[in-house]
């Protein structure tokens, strides 16, 4: 009788253990049967090591437990900064620091994970930046790199995009943070700017002197024209009128070994009187 009860109790314990194990398995399988994709990410499905071409969007998703695993790929904007050395077209040494903001296209998440993995910043982006900076810098001389910075930046962005876009990466913004040259080149640029400023000042001074000289010439011309016009207006009639106005009624006389009357008309028409009138515009008797 005792043996029968022990056997019955043992069977109950086995059933309980089996039930607990089944429940645990169900819970475990249920826990691994879904996934949640974070905001700004996509989920890449990996079935027994094989990457699926389809990707999961943000939110809740069901999946096969144990068989399927999900790798989340960040599709948000990522920033990277790269420092590199380059040489300009005129062989000037350049130290640069370039920063770009880029992102992974959601549709390309499976492709980039399959071919590159998740460390695409180190594998693809940074090397592309260094190579393109050197390539673009070699097309311009040092002075052009300074004066055409916007053009240089645009060309760098274009070349970097050509290298990373086949992997599903896009550039949002590219910024050239530093463009440093050797100390010798900086001194040469400073000396050139000083020389240009001095040349500009000399040119301005020359232009001012030229204008002042032209003003003096014009002033002299005006005075000469005024004098000439004044002489043209000084006719014999005007001289006669001035003489009459100033005449006191007495005829001028001269003595030459005796008294003799001086000819009034000869005196009026004399060159001496004309010259005095032209000079002073007043006839003195």
Protein backbone atom coordinates (compact mmCIF):
# COMPACT_ATOMS: atom_id res chain seq x y z
CA UNK A 1 0.00 0.00 0.00
CA UNK A 2 2.86 2.36 0.89
CA UNK A 3 4.73 1.61 -2.30
CA UNK A 4 1.66 2.43 -4.36
CA UNK A 5 1.27 5.85 -2.69
CA UNK A 6 4.95 6.69 -3.17
CA UNK A 7 4.68 5.81 -6.85
CA UNK A 8 1.64 7.99 -7.22
CA UNK A 9 3.33 10.91 -5.47
CA UNK A 10 6.41 10.55 -7.67
CA UNK A 11 4.32 10.73 -10.81
CA UNK A 12 2.68 13.93 -9.60
CA UNK A 13 6.07 15.51 -8.93
CA UNK A 14 7.26 14.57 -12.43
CA UNK A 15 4.17 16.12 -13.96
CA UNK A 16 4.69 19.32 -12.01
CA UNK A 17 8.32 19.55 -13.09
CA UNK A 18 7.40 18.93 -16.73
CA UNK A 19 4.70 21.57 -16.52
CA UNK A 20 7.09 24.12 -15.05
CA UNK A 21 9.65 23.35 -17.75
CA UNK A 22 7.03 23.74 -20.50
CA UNK A 23 5.83 27.03 -19.06
CA UNK A 24 9.38 28.31 -18.83
CA UNK A 25 10.06 27.27 -22.42
CA UNK A 26 6.91 29.00 -23.58
CA UNK A 27 7.85 32.15 -21.71
CA UNK A 28 11.37 32.08 -23.09
CA UNK A 29 10.16 31.45 -26.64
CA UNK A 30 7.56 34.19 -26.25
CA UNK A 31 10.17 36.63 -25.00
CA UNK A 32 12.39 35.96 -28.01
CA UNK A 33 9.50 36.03 -30.49
CA UNK A 34 9.28 39.83 -30.74
CA UNK A 35 11.57 42.84 -30.98
CA UNK A 36 11.25 46.61 -30.64
CA UNK A 37 13.18 48.86 -33.04
CA UNK A 38 14.28 52.15 -31.46
CA UNK A 39 13.44 55.55 -32.94
CA UNK A 40 15.84 56.63 -35.65
CA UNK A 41 16.96 53.04 -36.28
CA UNK A 42 16.14 50.19 -38.66
CA UNK A 43 16.30 46.48 -37.89
CA UNK A 44 18.31 44.08 -40.02
CA UNK A 45 17.07 40.46 -39.82
CA UNK A 46 19.70 37.74 -39.62
CA UNK A 47 18.30 34.20 -40.09
CA UNK A 48 20.82 31.62 -38.90
CA UNK A 49 23.67 33.88 -40.01
CA UNK A 50 22.12 34.96 -43.32
CA UNK A 51 21.29 38.64 -43.70
CA UNK A 52 17.83 39.36 -45.07
CA UNK A 53 17.40 42.13 -47.65
CA UNK A 54 14.28 43.42 -45.92
CA UNK A 55 14.62 45.74 -42.93
CA UNK A 56 12.33 46.49 -40.01
CA UNK A 57 11.14 50.01 -39.30
CA UNK A 58 10.70 51.64 -35.89
CA UNK A 59 8.33 49.96 -33.44
CA UNK A 60 7.15 46.46 -32.40
CA UNK A 61 7.79 43.40 -34.64
CA UNK A 62 7.39 39.61 -34.33
CA UNK A 63 10.20 37.27 -35.27
CA UNK A 64 11.14 33.63 -35.12
CA UNK A 65 12.74 32.88 -31.77
CA UNK A 66 16.29 31.55 -31.73
CA UNK A 67 16.36 31.31 -35.56
CA UNK A 68 16.10 35.04 -36.29
CA UNK A 69 18.18 37.77 -34.64
CA UNK A 70 17.80 41.49 -35.17
CA UNK A 71 20.67 43.98 -35.57
CA UNK A 72 19.72 47.64 -35.16
CA UNK A 73 21.39 50.16 -37.51
CA UNK A 74 21.47 53.82 -36.52
CA UNK A 75 19.99 56.04 -39.26
CA UNK A 76 20.31 59.31 -37.38
CA UNK A 77 22.74 62.07 -38.36
CA UNK A 78 26.26 61.21 -37.22
CA UNK A 79 29.19 63.61 -36.97
CA UNK A 80 32.82 62.75 -37.59
CA UNK A 81 35.93 64.95 -37.64
CA UNK A 82 39.12 64.06 -39.48
CA UNK A 83 42.52 65.76 -39.30
CA UNK A 84 44.89 65.26 -42.21
CA UNK A 85 47.92 66.75 -43.95
CA UNK A 86 47.99 67.67 -47.61
CA UNK A 87 50.01 69.59 -50.18
CA UNK A 88 48.72 72.34 -52.45
CA UNK A 89 49.39 72.64 -56.17
CA UNK A 90 52.35 74.92 -55.46
CA UNK A 91 53.65 72.36 -52.91
CA UNK A 92 52.71 74.29 -49.78
CA UNK A 93 52.19 72.15 -46.66
CA UNK A 94 48.60 72.26 -45.37
CA UNK A 95 47.15 70.96 -42.12
CA UNK A 96 43.37 70.47 -42.33
CA UNK A 97 40.49 69.50 -40.09
CA UNK A 98 37.24 68.57 -41.80
CA UNK A 99 33.93 67.69 -40.14
CA UNK A 100 30.96 66.09 -41.89
CA UNK A 101 27.47 65.18 -40.75
CA UNK A 102 26.19 62.07 -42.52
CA UNK A 103 23.59 59.33 -42.16
CA UNK A 104 22.79 55.79 -43.34
CA UNK A 105 19.87 55.53 -45.73
CA UNK A 106 17.21 53.30 -44.09
CA UNK A 107 16.76 51.28 -47.28
CA UNK A 108 20.51 50.55 -47.35
CA UNK A 109 20.81 49.35 -43.74
CA UNK A 110 20.86 45.63 -44.66
CA UNK A 111 23.37 46.19 -47.47
CA UNK A 112 25.84 48.21 -45.38
CA UNK A 113 25.60 45.74 -42.48
CA UNK A 114 26.16 42.82 -44.81
CA UNK A 115 29.16 44.35 -46.61
CA UNK A 116 30.73 46.59 -43.98
CA UNK A 117 29.21 45.95 -40.58
CA UNK A 118 28.36 48.60 -38.03
CA UNK A 119 31.79 50.31 -37.89
CA UNK A 120 31.33 52.06 -41.24
CA UNK A 121 32.65 55.34 -39.82
CA UNK A 122 36.15 53.89 -39.41
CA UNK A 123 36.04 51.59 -42.43
CA UNK A 124 34.53 53.92 -45.04
CA UNK A 125 33.89 57.53 -44.02
CA UNK A 126 37.14 58.65 -42.40
CA UNK A 127 39.46 57.19 -45.07
CA UNK A 128 37.29 58.75 -47.80
CA UNK A 129 37.59 62.17 -46.16
CA UNK A 130 41.38 61.97 -45.91
CA UNK A 131 41.79 60.88 -49.52
CA UNK A 132 39.44 63.49 -50.95
CA UNK A 133 40.98 66.34 -48.93
CA UNK A 134 44.40 65.51 -50.36
CA UNK A 135 42.99 65.14 -53.87
CA UNK A 136 41.14 68.48 -53.88
CA UNK A 137 43.97 70.42 -52.18
CA UNK A 138 46.39 69.31 -54.91
CA UNK A 139 44.23 71.04 -57.55
CA UNK A 140 44.66 74.54 -56.12
CA UNK A 141 47.59 76.66 -55.06
CA UNK A 142 47.73 77.84 -51.45
CA UNK A 143 46.33 81.30 -52.16
CA UNK A 144 43.36 79.85 -54.06
CA UNK A 145 42.58 77.51 -51.18
CA UNK A 146 42.19 80.61 -49.00
CA UNK A 147 40.25 82.84 -51.38
CA UNK A 148 38.05 80.08 -52.87
CA UNK A 149 37.26 78.24 -49.64
CA UNK A 150 33.56 77.79 -50.47
CA UNK A 151 34.40 76.25 -53.85
CA UNK A 152 36.98 73.96 -52.28
CA UNK A 153 34.50 72.85 -49.61
CA UNK A 154 31.85 72.09 -52.23
CA UNK A 155 34.29 70.05 -54.31
CA UNK A 156 35.43 68.06 -51.27
CA UNK A 157 31.84 67.24 -50.40
CA UNK A 158 31.16 66.11 -53.96
CA UNK A 159 34.16 63.78 -54.08
CA UNK A 160 33.51 62.30 -50.62
CA UNK A 161 29.89 61.63 -51.54
CA UNK A 162 30.97 59.79 -54.68
CA UNK A 163 33.03 57.43 -52.52
CA UNK A 164 30.53 56.72 -49.75
CA UNK A 165 27.19 56.84 -51.58
CA UNK A 166 27.55 53.30 -53.10
CA UNK A 167 27.40 51.97 -49.52
CA UNK A 168 24.16 53.81 -48.79
CA UNK A 169 25.63 56.80 -46.96
CA UNK A 170 24.65 60.42 -47.60
CA UNK A 171 26.28 63.68 -46.48
CA UNK A 172 24.17 66.28 -44.72
CA UNK A 173 26.80 69.00 -44.11
CA UNK A 174 30.55 69.38 -44.68
CA UNK A 175 32.59 72.03 -42.87
CA UNK A 176 36.26 72.90 -43.18
CA UNK A 177 37.16 73.70 -39.58
CA UNK A 178 40.87 74.46 -40.06
CA UNK A 179 43.05 75.28 -43.04
CA UNK A 180 46.50 75.94 -41.57
CA UNK A 181 49.64 76.69 -43.59
CA UNK A 182 53.32 76.78 -42.72
CA UNK A 183 54.72 79.77 -40.82
CA UNK A 184 56.86 80.78 -43.81
CA UNK A 185 53.81 80.91 -46.07
CA UNK A 186 51.83 82.96 -43.55
CA UNK A 187 54.69 85.48 -43.37
CA UNK A 188 54.83 85.66 -47.17
CA UNK A 189 51.08 86.33 -47.34
CA UNK A 190 51.38 89.06 -44.72
CA UNK A 191 54.26 90.70 -46.63
CA UNK A 192 52.27 90.56 -49.87
CA UNK A 193 49.24 92.18 -48.27
CA UNK A 194 51.44 94.94 -46.82
CA UNK A 195 53.00 95.58 -50.25
CA UNK A 196 49.55 95.70 -51.87
CA UNK A 197 48.33 98.21 -49.29
CA UNK A 198 51.38 100.40 -49.83
CA UNK A 199 50.94 100.21 -53.60
CA UNK A 200 47.28 101.15 -53.24
CA UNK A 201 48.18 104.13 -51.05
CA UNK A 202 50.81 105.28 -53.57
CA UNK A 203 48.28 104.96 -56.37
CA UNK A 204 45.74 107.01 -54.41
CA UNK A 205 48.36 109.67 -53.65
CA UNK A 206 49.30 109.85 -57.32
CA UNK A 207 45.66 110.21 -58.31
CA UNK A 208 45.22 113.01 -55.74
CA UNK A 209 48.31 114.86 -57.01
CA UNK A 210 47.09 114.50 -60.58
CA UNK A 211 43.68 115.93 -59.67
CA UNK A 212 45.27 118.86 -57.83
CA UNK A 213 47.54 119.57 -60.82
CA UNK A 214 44.55 119.50 -63.18
CA UNK A 215 42.71 121.90 -60.88
CA UNK A 216 45.66 124.31 -60.94
CA UNK A 217 45.82 124.11 -64.74
CA UNK A 218 42.12 124.78 -65.04
CA UNK A 219 42.41 127.70 -62.64
CA UNK A 220 45.28 129.19 -64.66
CA UNK A 221 43.30 128.74 -67.88
CA UNK A 222 40.31 130.49 -66.34
CA UNK A 223 42.44 133.43 -65.18
CA UNK A 224 44.11 133.72 -68.60
CA UNK A 225 40.73 133.63 -70.38
CA UNK A 226 39.35 136.27 -68.01
CA UNK A 227 42.37 138.54 -68.64
CA UNK A 228 42.09 138.02 -72.39
CA UNK A 229 38.39 138.84 -72.32
CA UNK A 230 39.11 141.95 -70.26
CA UNK A 231 41.71 143.11 -72.80
CA UNK A 232 39.30 142.51 -75.68
CA UNK A 233 36.70 144.68 -74.02
CA UNK A 234 39.22 147.54 -73.48
CA UNK A 235 38.64 149.41 -76.79
CA UNK A 236 39.78 152.92 -77.85
CA UNK A 237 36.31 154.33 -77.11
CA UNK A 238 36.49 153.08 -73.56
CA UNK A 239 39.96 154.57 -73.20
CA UNK A 240 38.66 157.93 -74.54
CA UNK A 241 35.73 157.86 -72.12
CA UNK A 242 38.00 157.13 -69.19
CA UNK A 243 40.35 159.90 -70.32
CA UNK A 244 37.51 162.43 -70.58
CA UNK A 245 36.19 161.44 -67.15
CA UNK A 246 39.61 161.97 -65.62
CA UNK A 247 40.61 165.10 -67.64
CA UNK A 248 40.73 168.30 -65.64
CA UNK A 249 40.51 170.53 -68.75
CA UNK A 250 44.22 171.19 -68.97
CA UNK A 251 46.29 169.91 -71.85
CA UNK A 252 49.52 168.18 -71.02
CA UNK A 253 52.61 170.00 -72.14
CA UNK A 254 56.22 169.10 -72.53
CA UNK A 255 59.25 171.34 -72.65
CA UNK A 256 62.04 170.81 -75.13
CA UNK A 257 64.18 173.92 -75.38
CA UNK A 258 60.93 175.88 -75.30
CA UNK A 259 57.20 175.63 -74.75
CA UNK A 260 55.20 173.57 -77.21
CA UNK A 261 51.57 172.37 -77.17
CA UNK A 262 51.15 168.62 -76.86
CA UNK A 263 48.82 166.99 -79.41
CA UNK A 264 45.81 165.57 -77.46
CA UNK A 265 44.78 163.06 -80.10
CA UNK A 266 48.33 161.81 -80.45
CA UNK A 267 48.52 161.37 -76.72
CA UNK A 268 45.23 159.51 -76.56
CA UNK A 269 46.25 157.15 -79.41
CA UNK A 270 49.73 156.63 -78.03
CA UNK A 271 50.81 153.09 -77.09
CA UNK A 272 51.86 154.32 -73.70
CA UNK A 273 48.33 155.40 -72.79
CA UNK A 274 46.85 152.15 -74.12
CA UNK A 275 49.27 150.09 -72.12
CA UNK A 276 48.55 152.07 -68.97
CA UNK A 277 44.82 151.70 -69.52
CA UNK A 278 45.05 147.99 -70.10
CA UNK A 279 47.11 147.50 -66.99
CA UNK A 280 45.26 149.77 -64.60
CA UNK A 281 41.98 150.55 -66.39
CA UNK A 282 42.51 154.14 -65.03
CA UNK A 283 44.07 157.02 -66.97
CA UNK A 284 46.21 159.22 -64.88
CA UNK A 285 46.70 162.71 -66.24
